[in-house]
Amino acid sequence: MADVTYQQISELVVSELRTSLDSIDTDSVEKLIDIILSSRKVFFVGVGRVMLSLQAIAKRWAHLGIDTHLVGEITEPAITADDVLIVGSGSGTTLFPAGIAQKAHKIGAKVIHIGSNPNSPLKDIVCLMVRIPVRTKYYLEDEIDSQQPMTSLFEQTLLLLGDVVAKMIIDRKELDMKGLWQYHANLE
């Protein structure tokens, strides 16, 4: 096995991220922002490293004054028809997020799927899919391949998409960057 340097691997990761971010349909991102800004509360559900990315997104969007919640958190309020559930799942078939999505849909909340598989069972209940067309566990034909392990590229792209959306919301709402600190935790 050849010696591979940190620089080579970091360039690989950044290159893959550029490809994946560039592959996201910009119209779907604009629709995502419209739904977020027209919803009373924004809920997030996912599992594993996807949920870690969603937690970071929820925290950042809360810094913008958006009322965000993680499904399962101890202070999670009730979801209503005025709210949106964002489901993070590359495959769209992960049991827990798919079940929560079904329940939110029955309650009347909007459901958004951020994932890679456009033909997942979620397609029948979502109002929007934001597709990150990178490799999932199914290795679909049109997915962008990655040299990183498992679904790392999806999780990384999801996190960066959340930050891109945050900046787009800041620009759209003309928010004062210094003023955002009012929403930052202050018991630290």
N, C-alpha and C. Protein backbone atom coordinates (compact mmCIF):
# COMPACT_ATOMS: atom_id res chain seq x y z
N MET A 1 0.84 -1.19 0.00
CA MET A 1 0.00 0.00 0.00
C MET A 1 0.88 1.25 0.00
N ALA A 2 0.64 2.12 -0.92
CA ALA A 2 1.45 3.33 -1.06
C ALA A 2 1.18 4.30 0.09
N ASP A 3 2.21 5.04 0.45
CA ASP A 3 2.04 6.08 1.46
C ASP A 3 1.22 7.21 0.87
N VAL A 4 0.19 7.57 1.56
CA VAL A 4 -0.68 8.66 1.12
C VAL A 4 -0.57 9.75 2.18
N THR A 5 -0.38 10.97 1.74
CA THR A 5 -0.18 12.06 2.67
C THR A 5 -1.52 12.69 3.09
N TYR A 6 -1.44 13.40 4.20
CA TYR A 6 -2.60 14.16 4.67
C TYR A 6 -3.09 15.09 3.57
N GLN A 7 -2.19 15.78 2.91
CA GLN A 7 -2.56 16.73 1.86
C GLN A 7 -3.32 16.04 0.73
N GLN A 8 -2.88 14.87 0.31
CA GLN A 8 -3.56 14.15 -0.76
C GLN A 8 -4.98 13.75 -0.36
N ILE A 9 -5.12 13.26 0.85
CA ILE A 9 -6.45 12.84 1.32
C ILE A 9 -7.36 14.05 1.52
N SER A 10 -6.83 15.12 2.08
CA SER A 10 -7.67 16.31 2.27
C SER A 10 -8.11 16.88 0.92
N GLU A 11 -7.24 16.85 -0.07
CA GLU A 11 -7.62 17.31 -1.41
C GLU A 11 -8.71 16.41 -2.00
N LEU A 12 -8.59 15.12 -1.77
CA LEU A 12 -9.60 14.17 -2.23
C LEU A 12 -10.96 14.49 -1.61
N VAL A 13 -10.98 14.68 -0.29
CA VAL A 13 -12.24 14.96 0.42
C VAL A 13 -12.85 16.26 -0.07
N VAL A 14 -12.06 17.30 -0.18
CA VAL A 14 -12.57 18.60 -0.63
C VAL A 14 -13.07 18.50 -2.07
N SER A 15 -12.37 17.77 -2.90
CA SER A 15 -12.80 17.59 -4.29
C SER A 15 -14.15 16.86 -4.35
N GLU A 16 -14.28 15.81 -3.56
CA GLU A 16 -15.56 15.09 -3.53
C GLU A 16 -16.69 15.99 -3.02
N LEU A 17 -16.39 16.80 -2.02
CA LEU A 17 -17.40 17.72 -1.50
C LEU A 17 -17.81 18.75 -2.55
N ARG A 18 -16.88 19.26 -3.30
CA ARG A 18 -17.19 20.22 -4.36
C ARG A 18 -18.12 19.58 -5.37
N THR A 19 -17.81 18.35 -5.77
CA THR A 19 -18.65 17.63 -6.73
C THR A 19 -20.06 17.41 -6.17
N SER A 20 -20.15 16.98 -4.93
CA SER A 20 -21.47 16.69 -4.35
C SER A 20 -22.28 17.97 -4.14
N LEU A 21 -21.66 19.02 -3.64
CA LEU A 21 -22.39 20.28 -3.45
C LEU A 21 -22.86 20.85 -4.78
N ASP A 22 -22.02 20.74 -5.80
CA ASP A 22 -22.39 21.24 -7.13
C ASP A 22 -23.52 20.44 -7.76
N SER A 23 -23.74 19.23 -7.30
CA SER A 23 -24.77 18.36 -7.89
C SER A 23 -26.16 18.59 -7.31
N ILE A 24 -26.27 19.39 -6.26
CA ILE A 24 -27.56 19.64 -5.63
C ILE A 24 -28.35 20.65 -6.46
N ASP A 25 -29.60 20.33 -6.73
CA ASP A 25 -30.47 21.20 -7.51
C ASP A 25 -30.76 22.49 -6.73
N THR A 26 -30.37 23.63 -7.30
CA THR A 26 -30.52 24.90 -6.58
C THR A 26 -31.98 25.28 -6.37
N ASP A 27 -32.85 24.90 -7.29
CA ASP A 27 -34.28 25.20 -7.10
C ASP A 27 -34.82 24.49 -5.87
N SER A 28 -34.39 23.27 -5.63
CA SER A 28 -34.86 22.55 -4.45
C SER A 28 -34.36 23.22 -3.17
N VAL A 29 -33.17 23.79 -3.21
CA VAL A 29 -32.64 24.50 -2.04
C VAL A 29 -33.46 25.77 -1.78
N GLU A 30 -33.82 26.49 -2.85
CA GLU A 30 -34.66 27.68 -2.69
C GLU A 30 -36.03 27.31 -2.10
N LYS A 31 -36.60 26.20 -2.57
CA LYS A 31 -37.89 25.74 -2.03
C LYS A 31 -37.75 25.33 -0.57
N LEU A 32 -36.64 24.70 -0.23
CA LEU A 32 -36.36 24.34 1.16
C LEU A 32 -36.38 25.58 2.04
N ILE A 33 -35.72 26.62 1.61
CA ILE A 33 -35.68 27.87 2.38
C ILE A 33 -37.08 28.47 2.51
N ASP A 34 -37.84 28.47 1.43
CA ASP A 34 -39.22 28.99 1.49
C ASP A 34 -40.02 28.25 2.54
N ILE A 35 -39.91 26.93 2.56
CA ILE A 35 -40.67 26.13 3.52
C ILE A 35 -40.20 26.39 4.95
N ILE A 36 -38.90 26.45 5.15
CA ILE A 36 -38.36 26.73 6.49
C ILE A 36 -38.90 28.06 7.01
N LEU A 37 -38.81 29.08 6.17
CA LEU A 37 -39.20 30.42 6.61
C LEU A 37 -40.71 30.59 6.77
N SER A 38 -41.50 29.71 6.16
CA SER A 38 -42.95 29.80 6.30
C SER A 38 -43.49 28.83 7.37
N SER A 39 -42.61 28.09 8.01
CA SER A 39 -43.03 27.14 9.04
C SER A 39 -42.84 27.74 10.43
N ARG A 40 -43.71 27.31 11.35
CA ARG A 40 -43.61 27.79 12.73
C ARG A 40 -42.41 27.16 13.43
N LYS A 41 -42.28 25.85 13.28
CA LYS A 41 -41.17 25.12 13.89
C LYS A 41 -40.56 24.19 12.85
N VAL A 42 -39.27 23.91 13.01
CA VAL A 42 -38.56 23.00 12.13
C VAL A 42 -38.02 21.85 12.98
N PHE A 43 -38.45 20.63 12.65
CA PHE A 43 -38.01 19.43 13.35
C PHE A 43 -37.04 18.67 12.46
N PHE A 44 -36.13 17.94 13.09
CA PHE A 44 -35.14 17.15 12.37
C PHE A 44 -35.14 15.72 12.89
N VAL A 45 -35.00 14.76 11.98
CA VAL A 45 -34.85 13.36 12.38
C VAL A 45 -33.86 12.67 11.47
N GLY A 46 -33.05 11.84 12.07
CA GLY A 46 -32.07 11.03 11.36
C GLY A 46 -31.44 10.11 12.38
N VAL A 47 -30.50 9.29 11.96
CA VAL A 47 -29.79 8.42 12.90
C VAL A 47 -28.29 8.48 12.61
N GLY A 48 -27.51 8.10 13.59
CA GLY A 48 -26.07 8.00 13.42
C GLY A 48 -25.40 9.31 13.08
N ARG A 49 -24.43 9.23 12.17
CA ARG A 49 -23.69 10.43 11.76
C ARG A 49 -24.58 11.44 11.04
N VAL A 50 -25.63 10.97 10.39
CA VAL A 50 -26.58 11.89 9.76
C VAL A 50 -27.22 12.75 10.84
N MET A 51 -27.61 12.14 11.96
CA MET A 51 -28.24 12.91 13.03
C MET A 51 -27.25 13.92 13.61
N LEU A 52 -25.98 13.55 13.69
CA LEU A 52 -24.99 14.52 14.17
C LEU A 52 -24.93 15.74 13.25
N SER A 53 -24.97 15.51 11.95
CA SER A 53 -25.00 16.63 11.01
C SER A 53 -26.26 17.46 11.19
N LEU A 54 -27.39 16.79 11.37
CA LEU A 54 -28.67 17.50 11.57
C LEU A 54 -28.67 18.30 12.88
N GLN A 55 -28.04 17.76 13.91
CA GLN A 55 -27.94 18.50 15.17
C GLN A 55 -27.18 19.81 14.97
N ALA A 56 -26.09 19.74 14.22
CA ALA A 56 -25.31 20.95 13.95
C ALA A 56 -26.12 21.94 13.13
N ILE A 57 -26.89 21.45 12.16
CA ILE A 57 -27.74 22.33 11.35
C ILE A 57 -28.80 22.98 12.22
N ALA A 58 -29.45 22.19 13.07
CA ALA A 58 -30.50 22.73 13.95
C ALA A 58 -29.94 23.83 14.84
N LYS A 59 -28.75 23.60 15.37
CA LYS A 59 -28.11 24.60 16.23
C LYS A 59 -27.83 25.88 15.45
N ARG A 60 -27.28 25.75 14.24
CA ARG A 60 -26.94 26.94 13.45
C ARG A 60 -28.20 27.70 13.07
N TRP A 61 -29.25 26.98 12.63
CA TRP A 61 -30.47 27.67 12.24
C TRP A 61 -31.15 28.31 13.44
N ALA A 62 -31.00 27.72 14.61
CA ALA A 62 -31.53 28.36 15.83
C ALA A 62 -30.83 29.70 16.06
N HIS A 63 -29.57 29.78 15.67
CA HIS A 63 -28.84 31.05 15.79
C HIS A 63 -29.41 32.12 14.86
N LEU A 64 -30.23 31.70 13.91
CA LEU A 64 -30.88 32.65 13.00
C LEU A 64 -32.27 33.03 13.49
N GLY A 65 -32.64 32.53 14.66
CA GLY A 65 -33.97 32.82 15.21
C GLY A 65 -35.04 31.83 14.77
N ILE A 66 -34.63 30.73 14.12
CA ILE A 66 -35.58 29.71 13.68
C ILE A 66 -35.82 28.75 14.84
N ASP A 67 -37.08 28.41 15.08
CA ASP A 67 -37.46 27.52 16.17
C ASP A 67 -37.21 26.08 15.74
N THR A 68 -36.08 25.52 16.13
CA THR A 68 -35.67 24.18 15.68
C THR A 68 -35.75 23.17 16.83
N HIS A 69 -36.03 21.92 16.45
CA HIS A 69 -36.14 20.84 17.44
C HIS A 69 -35.65 19.53 16.84
N LEU A 70 -35.06 18.70 17.68
CA LEU A 70 -34.62 17.37 17.29
C LEU A 70 -35.62 16.36 17.80
N VAL A 71 -36.09 15.48 16.93
CA VAL A 71 -37.03 14.46 17.36
C VAL A 71 -36.35 13.61 18.44
N GLY A 72 -37.02 13.47 19.57
CA GLY A 72 -36.50 12.68 20.67
C GLY A 72 -35.85 13.50 21.77
N GLU A 73 -35.60 14.79 21.53
CA GLU A 73 -35.00 15.60 22.59
C GLU A 73 -36.00 15.72 23.74
N ILE A 74 -35.51 15.88 24.92
CA ILE A 74 -36.35 15.86 26.12
C ILE A 74 -37.38 16.99 26.13
N THR A 75 -37.07 18.10 25.48
CA THR A 75 -38.00 19.24 25.46
C THR A 75 -38.73 19.38 24.13
N GLU A 76 -38.77 18.31 23.36
CA GLU A 76 -39.43 18.35 22.04
C GLU A 76 -40.91 18.68 22.19
N PRO A 77 -41.39 19.73 21.52
CA PRO A 77 -42.82 20.05 21.56
C PRO A 77 -43.59 19.21 20.54
N ALA A 78 -44.89 19.35 20.54
CA ALA A 78 -45.73 18.67 19.56
C ALA A 78 -45.52 19.29 18.18
N ILE A 79 -45.53 18.45 17.17
CA ILE A 79 -45.48 18.94 15.79
C ILE A 79 -46.91 19.18 15.33
N THR A 80 -47.11 20.19 14.50
CA THR A 80 -48.44 20.54 14.00
C THR A 80 -48.39 20.73 12.49
N ALA A 81 -49.54 21.03 11.93
CA ALA A 81 -49.64 21.28 10.49
C ALA A 81 -48.93 22.58 10.09
N ASP A 82 -48.55 23.38 11.05
CA ASP A 82 -47.82 24.62 10.76
C ASP A 82 -46.31 24.42 10.72
N ASP A 83 -45.88 23.18 10.92
CA ASP A 83 -44.46 22.88 11.08
C ASP A 83 -43.94 22.03 9.94
N VAL A 84 -42.62 21.83 9.94
CA VAL A 84 -41.98 20.98 8.93
C VAL A 84 -41.03 20.01 9.64
N LEU A 85 -41.00 18.79 9.12
CA LEU A 85 -40.04 17.79 9.57
C LEU A 85 -39.03 17.57 8.45
N ILE A 86 -37.76 17.73 8.78
CA ILE A 86 -36.69 17.46 7.82
C ILE A 86 -36.10 16.10 8.16
N VAL A 87 -36.21 15.19 7.21
CA VAL A 87 -35.71 13.84 7.37
C VAL A 87 -34.37 13.73 6.65
N GLY A 88 -33.32 13.44 7.40
CA GLY A 88 -32.03 13.18 6.80
C GLY A 88 -31.83 11.68 6.68
N SER A 89 -31.75 11.20 5.46
CA SER A 89 -31.53 9.77 5.23
C SER A 89 -31.07 9.59 3.79
N GLY A 90 -29.84 9.16 3.63
CA GLY A 90 -29.34 8.95 2.27
C GLY A 90 -30.21 7.98 1.49
N SER A 91 -30.48 6.83 2.09
CA SER A 91 -31.25 5.80 1.42
C SER A 91 -32.75 6.07 1.45
N GLY A 92 -33.21 6.81 2.45
CA GLY A 92 -34.65 7.04 2.61
C GLY A 92 -35.40 5.83 3.13
N THR A 93 -34.67 4.81 3.53
CA THR A 93 -35.31 3.59 4.01
C THR A 93 -34.99 3.28 5.47
N THR A 94 -34.20 4.11 6.12
CA THR A 94 -33.84 3.86 7.51
C THR A 94 -35.12 3.87 8.35
N LEU A 95 -35.31 2.83 9.13
CA LEU A 95 -36.57 2.55 9.80
C LEU A 95 -37.09 3.69 10.67
N PHE A 96 -36.28 4.17 11.61
CA PHE A 96 -36.76 5.18 12.54
C PHE A 96 -37.16 6.49 11.84
N PRO A 97 -36.28 7.09 11.03
CA PRO A 97 -36.69 8.33 10.35
C PRO A 97 -37.90 8.13 9.45
N ALA A 98 -37.98 7.00 8.76
CA ALA A 98 -39.12 6.76 7.87
C ALA A 98 -40.42 6.66 8.66
N GLY A 99 -40.37 6.02 9.81
CA GLY A 99 -41.56 5.91 10.66
C GLY A 99 -42.00 7.25 11.21
N ILE A 100 -41.04 8.04 11.65
CA ILE A 100 -41.35 9.39 12.17
C ILE A 100 -41.94 10.24 11.04
N ALA A 101 -41.40 10.13 9.85
CA ALA A 101 -41.91 10.89 8.70
C ALA A 101 -43.37 10.54 8.43
N GLN A 102 -43.70 9.25 8.47
CA GLN A 102 -45.09 8.81 8.27
C GLN A 102 -46.01 9.45 9.31
N LYS A 103 -45.58 9.44 10.56
CA LYS A 103 -46.41 10.01 11.63
C LYS A 103 -46.58 11.52 11.45
N ALA A 104 -45.51 12.22 11.13
CA ALA A 104 -45.59 13.67 10.92
C ALA A 104 -46.52 13.99 9.76
N HIS A 105 -46.44 13.20 8.71
CA HIS A 105 -47.31 13.39 7.55
C HIS A 105 -48.78 13.21 7.93
N LYS A 106 -49.07 12.20 8.72
CA LYS A 106 -50.46 11.95 9.18
C LYS A 106 -50.98 13.10 10.03
N ILE A 107 -50.10 13.72 10.79
CA ILE A 107 -50.49 14.87 11.62
C ILE A 107 -50.75 16.10 10.77
N GLY A 108 -50.18 16.13 9.57
CA GLY A 108 -50.39 17.25 8.66
C GLY A 108 -49.19 18.15 8.51
N ALA A 109 -48.09 17.81 9.15
CA ALA A 109 -46.86 18.60 9.00
C ALA A 109 -46.28 18.36 7.61
N LYS A 110 -45.57 19.34 7.11
CA LYS A 110 -44.83 19.16 5.86
C LYS A 110 -43.63 18.26 6.16
N VAL A 111 -43.28 17.43 5.21
CA VAL A 111 -42.12 16.54 5.36
C VAL A 111 -41.17 16.79 4.19
N ILE A 112 -39.91 17.03 4.53
CA ILE A 112 -38.86 17.22 3.53
C ILE A 112 -37.84 16.11 3.71
N HIS A 113 -37.45 15.51 2.61
CA HIS A 113 -36.42 14.47 2.65
C HIS A 113 -35.15 15.04 2.04
N ILE A 114 -34.08 15.06 2.82
CA ILE A 114 -32.76 15.37 2.29
C ILE A 114 -32.05 14.03 2.22
N GLY A 115 -31.81 13.55 1.01
CA GLY A 115 -31.23 12.23 0.84
C GLY A 115 -30.71 12.03 -0.56
N SER A 116 -30.38 10.79 -0.86
CA SER A 116 -29.83 10.46 -2.16
C SER A 116 -30.78 9.65 -3.03
N ASN A 117 -31.63 8.85 -2.42
CA ASN A 117 -32.48 7.92 -3.14
C ASN A 117 -33.84 8.53 -3.46
N PRO A 118 -34.06 8.97 -4.70
CA PRO A 118 -35.35 9.61 -5.04
C PRO A 118 -36.50 8.62 -5.13
N ASN A 119 -36.21 7.34 -5.11
CA ASN A 119 -37.27 6.33 -5.23
C ASN A 119 -37.54 5.62 -3.91
N SER A 120 -37.17 6.24 -2.81
CA SER A 120 -37.42 5.63 -1.50
C SER A 120 -38.92 5.69 -1.19
N PRO A 121 -39.37 4.94 -0.21
CA PRO A 121 -40.77 5.02 0.21
C PRO A 121 -41.20 6.43 0.66
N LEU A 122 -40.26 7.27 1.02
CA LEU A 122 -40.59 8.63 1.44
C LEU A 122 -41.16 9.46 0.30
N LYS A 123 -40.88 9.08 -0.93
CA LYS A 123 -41.30 9.89 -2.09
C LYS A 123 -42.81 10.11 -2.12
N ASP A 124 -43.57 9.22 -1.51
CA ASP A 124 -45.02 9.33 -1.54
C ASP A 124 -45.59 10.28 -0.50
N ILE A 125 -44.77 10.71 0.47
CA ILE A 125 -45.30 11.58 1.53
C ILE A 125 -44.60 12.92 1.65
N VAL A 126 -43.50 13.11 0.94
CA VAL A 126 -42.76 14.37 1.10
C VAL A 126 -43.33 15.47 0.21
N CYS A 127 -43.21 16.69 0.68
CA CYS A 127 -43.58 17.84 -0.15
C CYS A 127 -42.37 18.31 -0.95
N LEU A 128 -41.16 17.85 -0.55
CA LEU A 128 -39.95 18.26 -1.23
C LEU A 128 -38.85 17.25 -0.93
N MET A 129 -38.09 16.93 -1.94
CA MET A 129 -36.85 16.19 -1.74
C MET A 129 -35.70 17.06 -2.21
N VAL A 130 -34.73 17.22 -1.33
CA VAL A 130 -33.47 17.87 -1.70
C VAL A 130 -32.49 16.72 -1.87
N ARG A 131 -32.09 16.48 -3.10
CA ARG A 131 -31.27 15.30 -3.39
C ARG A 131 -29.79 15.64 -3.36
N ILE A 132 -29.09 14.89 -2.54
CA ILE A 132 -27.63 14.88 -2.53
C ILE A 132 -27.27 13.55 -3.18
N PRO A 133 -27.02 13.52 -4.48
CA PRO A 133 -26.91 12.25 -5.20
C PRO A 133 -25.57 11.54 -5.05
N VAL A 134 -25.21 11.27 -3.81
CA VAL A 134 -23.96 10.58 -3.54
C VAL A 134 -24.24 9.14 -3.10
N ARG A 135 -23.19 8.36 -3.03
CA ARG A 135 -23.31 6.93 -2.76
C ARG A 135 -24.05 6.64 -1.46
N THR A 136 -24.98 5.70 -1.54
CA THR A 136 -25.66 5.16 -0.36
C THR A 136 -25.31 3.68 -0.24
N LYS A 137 -25.93 3.06 0.72
CA LYS A 137 -25.68 1.62 0.91
C LYS A 137 -26.22 0.80 -0.26
N TYR A 138 -27.04 1.41 -1.11
CA TYR A 138 -27.60 0.69 -2.26
C TYR A 138 -26.75 0.78 -3.52
N TYR A 139 -25.76 1.68 -3.54
CA TYR A 139 -24.89 1.85 -4.70
C TYR A 139 -25.73 2.00 -5.98
N LEU A 140 -26.65 2.96 -5.98
CA LEU A 140 -27.48 3.20 -7.15
C LEU A 140 -26.62 3.68 -8.31
N GLU A 141 -27.09 3.41 -9.52
CA GLU A 141 -26.32 3.67 -10.73
C GLU A 141 -25.95 5.14 -10.91
N ASP A 142 -26.84 6.05 -10.55
CA ASP A 142 -26.58 7.47 -10.81
C ASP A 142 -25.97 8.20 -9.61
N GLU A 143 -25.57 7.48 -8.59
CA GLU A 143 -24.97 8.12 -7.43
C GLU A 143 -23.51 8.47 -7.69
N ILE A 144 -23.07 9.58 -7.15
CA ILE A 144 -21.68 9.99 -7.22
C ILE A 144 -20.89 9.08 -6.29
N ASP A 145 -19.86 8.45 -6.82
CA ASP A 145 -19.06 7.54 -6.01
C ASP A 145 -18.11 8.33 -5.11
N SER A 146 -17.62 7.66 -4.09
CA SER A 146 -16.71 8.28 -3.15
C SER A 146 -15.63 7.28 -2.77
N GLN A 147 -14.43 7.79 -2.53
CA GLN A 147 -13.35 6.95 -2.03
C GLN A 147 -13.33 6.92 -0.51
N GLN A 148 -14.21 7.71 0.11
CA GLN A 148 -14.30 7.73 1.56
C GLN A 148 -15.14 6.55 2.04
N PRO A 149 -15.00 6.19 3.31
CA PRO A 149 -15.75 5.03 3.80
C PRO A 149 -17.25 5.28 3.90
N MET A 150 -17.98 4.24 3.57
CA MET A 150 -19.42 4.15 3.74
C MET A 150 -20.13 5.39 3.20
N THR A 151 -20.86 6.12 4.05
CA THR A 151 -21.63 7.28 3.57
C THR A 151 -21.06 8.60 4.10
N SER A 152 -19.76 8.64 4.32
CA SER A 152 -19.13 9.87 4.81
C SER A 152 -19.45 11.07 3.93
N LEU A 153 -19.40 10.90 2.62
CA LEU A 153 -19.64 12.02 1.72
C LEU A 153 -21.04 12.58 1.89
N PHE A 154 -22.04 11.72 2.11
CA PHE A 154 -23.40 12.22 2.33
C PHE A 154 -23.46 13.05 3.61
N GLU A 155 -22.91 12.52 4.69
CA GLU A 155 -22.98 13.22 5.98
C GLU A 155 -22.26 14.56 5.92
N GLN A 156 -21.10 14.59 5.27
CA GLN A 156 -20.34 15.84 5.14
C GLN A 156 -21.10 16.86 4.29
N THR A 157 -21.64 16.40 3.19
CA THR A 157 -22.38 17.30 2.30
C THR A 157 -23.62 17.83 2.98
N LEU A 158 -24.31 16.98 3.73
CA LEU A 158 -25.48 17.42 4.48
C LEU A 158 -25.13 18.55 5.43
N LEU A 159 -24.05 18.39 6.18
CA LEU A 159 -23.63 19.43 7.12
C LEU A 159 -23.34 20.73 6.40
N LEU A 160 -22.58 20.65 5.31
CA LEU A 160 -22.24 21.87 4.57
C LEU A 160 -23.47 22.49 3.90
N LEU A 161 -24.39 21.65 3.42
CA LEU A 161 -25.64 22.18 2.87
C LEU A 161 -26.38 23.00 3.93
N GLY A 162 -26.40 22.50 5.15
CA GLY A 162 -27.04 23.26 6.24
C GLY A 162 -26.42 24.62 6.44
N ASP A 163 -25.09 24.69 6.35
CA ASP A 163 -24.41 25.98 6.51
C ASP A 163 -24.63 26.88 5.30
N VAL A 164 -24.69 26.31 4.11
CA VAL A 164 -24.99 27.10 2.91
C VAL A 164 -26.40 27.69 3.04
N VAL A 165 -27.35 26.88 3.45
CA VAL A 165 -28.72 27.35 3.63
C VAL A 165 -28.77 28.45 4.70
N ALA A 166 -28.03 28.28 5.78
CA ALA A 166 -27.99 29.32 6.82
C ALA A 166 -27.53 30.65 6.23
N LYS A 167 -26.46 30.62 5.45
CA LYS A 167 -25.95 31.87 4.85
C LYS A 167 -26.95 32.45 3.85
N MET A 168 -27.64 31.58 3.12
CA MET A 168 -28.65 32.07 2.17
C MET A 168 -29.81 32.74 2.93
N ILE A 169 -30.20 32.18 4.07
CA ILE A 169 -31.26 32.78 4.89
C ILE A 169 -30.79 34.12 5.44
N ILE A 170 -29.55 34.18 5.90
CA ILE A 170 -28.99 35.45 6.41
C ILE A 170 -29.08 36.51 5.32
N ASP A 171 -28.67 36.15 4.11
CA ASP A 171 -28.68 37.11 3.01
C ASP A 171 -30.11 37.48 2.62
N ARG A 172 -30.98 36.49 2.54
CA ARG A 172 -32.36 36.76 2.13
C ARG A 172 -33.08 37.67 3.13
N LYS A 173 -32.86 37.42 4.42
CA LYS A 173 -33.53 38.20 5.46
C LYS A 173 -32.74 39.45 5.86
N GLU A 174 -31.57 39.62 5.23
CA GLU A 174 -30.69 40.74 5.54
C GLU A 174 -30.43 40.85 7.04
N LEU A 175 -30.07 39.71 7.63
CA LEU A 175 -29.80 39.65 9.06
C LEU A 175 -28.43 40.26 9.36
N ASP A 176 -28.34 40.93 10.48
CA ASP A 176 -27.09 41.52 10.95
C ASP A 176 -26.27 40.41 11.61
N MET A 177 -25.09 40.14 11.09
CA MET A 177 -24.27 39.04 11.60
C MET A 177 -23.94 39.22 13.08
N LYS A 178 -23.65 40.43 13.51
CA LYS A 178 -23.35 40.64 14.93
C LYS A 178 -24.60 40.42 15.78
N GLY A 179 -25.75 40.73 15.23
CA GLY A 179 -27.00 40.57 15.96
C GLY A 179 -27.37 39.11 16.21
N LEU A 180 -26.78 38.20 15.44
CA LEU A 180 -27.08 36.78 15.61
C LEU A 180 -26.61 36.25 16.96
N TRP A 181 -25.65 36.92 17.59
CA TRP A 181 -25.13 36.44 18.87
C TRP A 181 -26.20 36.43 19.95
N GLN A 182 -27.29 37.18 19.76
CA GLN A 182 -28.36 37.17 20.76
C GLN A 182 -28.99 35.78 20.90
N TYR A 183 -28.86 34.95 19.87
CA TYR A 183 -29.44 33.61 19.89
C TYR A 183 -28.44 32.54 20.34
N HIS A 184 -27.18 32.93 20.52
CA HIS A 184 -26.14 31.97 20.89
C HIS A 184 -26.24 31.65 22.38
N ALA A 185 -25.92 30.41 22.73
CA ALA A 185 -25.90 30.02 24.14
C ALA A 185 -25.03 30.99 24.93
N ASN A 186 -25.49 31.36 26.11
CA ASN A 186 -24.71 32.32 26.91
C ASN A 186 -24.43 31.82 28.33
N LEU A 187 -24.66 30.54 28.57
CA LEU A 187 -24.34 29.96 29.88
C LEU A 187 -23.02 29.20 29.84
N GLU A 188 -22.19 29.55 28.88
CA GLU A 188 -20.91 28.85 28.76
C GLU A 188 -19.78 29.61 29.41
